[in-house]
Amino acid sequence: MLAARGRAETVVAFAPGGGWAEDDESSRETLAFFATMHEQVQAAAPHAEAIAASENGRRRATEYVTTRFEHIPPALVAHQIAGAAACEATLPLIEHALRDGWSLDAERITCPVRIVWGTDDRILPWPRAAVRYRDDWLPHADWVVLDGVGHSPQLDVPLEAAQLILGFTSQ
């Protein structure tokens, strides 16, 4: 995290990964899900525009990251599919997490931190996936919990997400 390196004046994080309790095996399930999804999105990428062209395709393409997809433009959905498929860091990050686990140099973070989490996050379920952030690493953070919002508030409630960033970073 840039804040731990002294490279941030403020930080707003939307459902950051790695916050499970140390003995919570659901982290491994989530990493396996990411590996499977990466394979599937790579297979879907050549068809991204066709998938995003239909309402059902947009719903299925966004079902794990949003609760509200109707307002997301088809071009953005297609762009996200293509971007996720092209991400070369996915598998190395999964391997790193499986091998080394999760850590955060929280004592080195001296700037204000806001953490935003949706209660309907299907990838990193609230509050289970946030335990170490809340209890160990960043209990002093400004916590914002959004009812009925999924993993990506910037897609579900883009104006509210922007205000949560701007309102915090301008302090």
Protein backbone atom coordinates (compact mmCIF):
# COMPACT_ATOMS: atom_id res chain seq x y z
CA MET A 1 0.00 0.00 0.00
CA LEU A 2 1.33 3.40 -0.96
CA ALA A 3 0.39 4.82 2.42
CA ALA A 4 2.77 2.40 4.18
CA ARG A 5 5.55 3.71 1.93
CA GLY A 6 4.76 7.32 2.85
CA ARG A 7 3.58 8.01 -0.70
CA ALA A 8 0.01 9.11 0.03
CA GLU A 9 -1.55 12.10 1.76
CA THR A 10 -4.89 10.33 2.13
CA VAL A 11 -6.21 6.91 1.09
CA VAL A 12 -9.68 5.75 0.15
CA ALA A 13 -9.89 1.99 -0.35
CA PHE A 14 -12.92 0.17 -1.72
CA ALA A 15 -13.13 -3.35 -0.20
CA PRO A 16 -9.40 -4.04 -0.10
CA GLY A 17 -8.38 -7.69 -0.22
CA GLY A 18 -6.49 -9.58 2.45
CA GLY A 19 -8.51 -8.63 5.51
CA TRP A 20 -9.75 -12.08 6.51
CA ALA A 21 -8.96 -13.40 9.96
CA GLU A 22 -5.75 -15.43 9.88
CA ASP A 23 -7.59 -18.73 10.40
CA ASP A 24 -10.35 -17.98 7.86
CA GLU A 25 -10.06 -20.50 5.02
CA SER A 26 -12.50 -18.56 2.85
CA SER A 27 -9.52 -16.54 1.64
CA ARG A 28 -8.31 -19.64 -0.24
CA GLU A 29 -11.78 -20.11 -1.72
CA THR A 30 -11.75 -16.50 -2.89
CA LEU A 31 -8.33 -16.92 -4.51
CA ALA A 32 -9.54 -20.07 -6.28
CA PHE A 33 -12.59 -18.11 -7.46
CA PHE A 34 -10.30 -15.40 -8.89
CA ALA A 35 -8.23 -17.98 -10.76
CA THR A 36 -11.36 -19.56 -12.24
CA MET A 37 -12.86 -16.20 -13.13
CA HIS A 38 -9.63 -15.13 -14.80
CA GLU A 39 -9.79 -18.19 -17.08
CA GLN A 40 -13.44 -17.57 -17.84
CA VAL A 41 -13.00 -13.87 -18.58
CA GLN A 42 -10.11 -14.67 -20.92
CA ALA A 43 -12.40 -17.03 -22.83
CA ALA A 44 -15.15 -14.39 -22.88
CA ALA A 45 -12.95 -11.45 -23.91
CA PRO A 46 -13.20 -12.01 -27.68
CA HIS A 47 -16.98 -11.79 -27.26
CA ALA A 48 -17.00 -8.84 -24.85
CA GLU A 49 -18.95 -6.47 -27.09
CA ALA A 50 -21.62 -9.08 -27.85
CA ILE A 51 -21.92 -9.97 -24.16
CA ALA A 52 -22.25 -6.32 -23.16
CA ALA A 53 -24.80 -5.63 -25.91
CA SER A 54 -27.61 -7.46 -24.09
CA GLU A 55 -29.14 -6.69 -20.73
CA ASN A 56 -28.70 -10.32 -19.65
CA GLY A 57 -25.06 -10.27 -20.76
CA ARG A 58 -24.35 -7.11 -18.74
CA ARG A 59 -26.07 -8.57 -15.69
CA ARG A 60 -24.07 -11.78 -15.88
CA ALA A 61 -20.81 -9.95 -16.57
CA THR A 62 -21.25 -7.72 -13.52
CA GLU A 63 -23.09 -10.01 -11.10
CA TYR A 64 -20.12 -10.50 -8.76
CA VAL A 65 -19.09 -6.85 -8.59
CA THR A 66 -22.38 -4.91 -8.61
CA THR A 67 -25.93 -5.08 -7.42
CA ARG A 68 -27.06 -2.43 -9.93
CA PHE A 69 -25.93 -2.84 -13.52
CA GLU A 70 -28.69 -1.15 -15.49
CA HIS A 71 -26.95 2.24 -15.68
CA ILE A 72 -23.53 0.87 -16.68
CA PRO A 73 -22.90 1.57 -20.37
CA PRO A 74 -22.32 -1.50 -22.56
CA ALA A 75 -18.98 -0.08 -23.72
CA LEU A 76 -17.76 0.11 -20.11
CA VAL A 77 -18.79 -3.50 -19.43
CA ALA A 78 -16.97 -4.64 -22.59
CA HIS A 79 -13.92 -2.60 -21.59
CA GLN A 80 -13.89 -4.20 -18.13
CA ILE A 81 -14.12 -7.70 -19.58
CA ALA A 82 -11.22 -6.98 -21.93
CA GLY A 83 -9.18 -5.34 -19.17
CA ALA A 84 -9.69 -8.18 -16.70
CA ALA A 85 -8.74 -10.71 -19.38
CA ALA A 86 -5.56 -8.82 -20.23
CA CYS A 87 -4.40 -8.47 -16.62
CA GLU A 88 -1.10 -10.30 -16.40
CA ALA A 89 -0.78 -9.81 -12.64
CA THR A 90 -3.78 -11.91 -11.61
CA LEU A 91 -2.14 -15.33 -11.38
CA PRO A 92 1.18 -14.10 -9.89
CA LEU A 93 -0.77 -12.19 -7.21
CA ILE A 94 -2.83 -15.27 -6.40
CA GLU A 95 0.32 -17.40 -6.15
CA HIS A 96 1.97 -14.78 -3.92
CA ALA A 97 -1.06 -14.67 -1.59
CA LEU A 98 -1.22 -18.46 -1.36
CA ARG A 99 2.50 -18.71 -0.65
CA ASP A 100 3.04 -15.71 1.64
CA GLY A 101 -0.40 -14.85 3.01
CA TRP A 102 -1.55 -11.32 3.74
CA SER A 103 0.16 -8.55 5.64
CA LEU A 104 0.08 -4.79 5.97
CA ASP A 105 2.65 -2.49 7.56
CA ALA A 106 -0.17 -0.61 9.26
CA GLU A 107 2.10 1.02 11.84
CA ARG A 108 3.81 2.87 8.98
CA ILE A 109 0.54 4.40 7.76
CA THR A 110 0.30 7.90 9.13
CA CYS A 111 -2.12 9.51 6.68
CA PRO A 112 -5.91 9.50 7.02
CA VAL A 113 -7.53 6.32 5.64
CA ARG A 114 -11.14 5.73 4.62
CA ILE A 115 -12.34 2.21 3.87
CA VAL A 116 -15.58 1.76 1.95
CA TRP A 117 -17.39 -1.61 1.85
CA GLY A 118 -20.70 -2.70 0.37
CA THR A 119 -22.91 -4.95 2.44
CA ASP A 120 -23.77 -7.00 -0.66
CA ASP A 121 -20.17 -7.65 -1.71
CA ARG A 122 -20.16 -11.17 -3.19
CA ILE A 123 -16.38 -11.33 -3.62
CA LEU A 124 -15.17 -10.01 -0.26
CA PRO A 125 -18.22 -10.37 1.99
CA TRP A 126 -18.76 -7.72 4.65
CA PRO A 127 -17.76 -7.95 7.49
CA ARG A 128 -15.95 -11.29 7.27
CA ALA A 129 -13.37 -10.18 4.69
CA ALA A 130 -12.57 -7.00 6.64
CA VAL A 131 -11.78 -8.44 10.08
CA ARG A 132 -8.04 -7.75 10.16
CA TYR A 133 -8.43 -4.28 8.68
CA ARG A 134 -11.04 -3.36 11.30
CA ASP A 135 -9.56 -5.09 14.33
CA ASP A 136 -5.80 -5.20 13.78
CA TRP A 137 -4.50 -3.04 10.98
CA LEU A 138 -6.69 0.05 10.56
CA PRO A 139 -9.22 0.31 13.39
CA HIS A 140 -8.68 4.09 13.36
CA ALA A 141 -9.77 4.34 9.70
CA ASP A 142 -12.92 6.15 8.71
CA TRP A 143 -15.23 3.23 7.89
CA VAL A 144 -18.11 3.68 5.46
CA VAL A 145 -20.48 0.76 4.95
CA LEU A 146 -22.87 1.07 2.01
CA ASP A 147 -26.12 -0.87 2.36
CA GLY A 148 -27.14 -2.83 -0.70
CA VAL A 149 -23.94 -2.12 -2.62
CA GLY A 150 -21.66 -4.75 -4.13
CA HIS A 151 -17.89 -5.10 -4.44
CA SER A 152 -17.44 -2.09 -6.74
CA PRO A 153 -19.18 0.99 -5.35
CA GLN A 154 -17.70 3.00 -8.23
CA LEU A 155 -19.96 0.97 -10.54
CA ASP A 156 -22.97 0.51 -8.28
CA VAL A 157 -23.26 4.07 -6.99
CA PRO A 158 -20.71 6.09 -8.99
CA LEU A 159 -21.73 9.56 -7.79
CA GLU A 160 -21.77 8.53 -4.14
CA ALA A 161 -18.42 6.75 -4.57
CA ALA A 162 -16.89 9.86 -6.12
CA GLN A 163 -18.19 11.99 -3.25
CA LEU A 164 -16.75 9.55 -0.71
CA ILE A 165 -13.35 10.01 -2.34
CA LEU A 166 -13.51 13.75 -2.96
CA GLY A 167 -15.05 14.52 0.42
CA PHE A 168 -12.29 12.66 2.21
CA THR A 169 -9.25 13.60 0.16
CA SER A 170 -10.10 17.30 0.22
CA GLN A 171 -10.06 17.47 4.03
